Amino acid sequence: MFYYAVKVATKRTPGADVRAALVGAGHRVLADKGVRGLTVRAVAAEAGVAPMGVYNHLDGKDGLLAVIVADGFEQLRATTADAVDSDARRRLRDAGRRYRRFALDNPTLYRLMFSENCDLGGDAGLSALGALTEIVRYAQGAGVIRADDPFELTLAIWSCVHGAVSLELDAAAPIPVDRDAIFESVLDVIEHGVIVR
């Protein structure tokens, strides 16, 4: 009697799928456990892969952080770029509201993205800022925003929105305030500061 060894083919998960699973798991762990809980072991367990997978696909903990931050900036870029109202003033205000909503929906990620340990997401961070610059250029083309350097205007607008959102996330106010009303006031200040007079 002859016995034949039958080789059973095992199906391997494509590398891109493993990487995407790790990034998704990293976001979930970050949201649930914070930056301190974002460990190689925790992310690997959440993704259902061996810890070595984090090293093979993301270059370890530092690579994991960099990818999560870059992905966060890509999400922020997409969120801001989705402000597509044909009215230039409304588009600018909507972009600010979308920026705020992203931060409030993802507070731990948002803080990590702008922490001193990160490089503002590298190219992804520049792309996110570029989405806002395109909104500024659109408003300039419509004759709504003054014709100053669009990138400098973007930095000024972003500074206002980021500052307001950061204060809100830190619940920094000497008295109870209506956060929605305050943010709308910030958008008023921005609008009055950049519109053509």
Foldseek 3Di string as FASTA:
>chain_A
DDDDDDDDDDDDDDLVVLLVLLLVLQLVQCQVPNPVSNALCSSCVSSVHDSVSCCVNQVHDVSSLLVNLLVLLLVLLVQLLVLDPLPLLSSLLSSLVSNLVSCVVRVRSVCSCPDPVYPNNPPSNVSSLVSSLVSQVSCVVVQFFDPDDSSVLSVVLCVLSVVLSVCVSVVDDPDDDDSVVVSVVSSVVSSVVTTDD
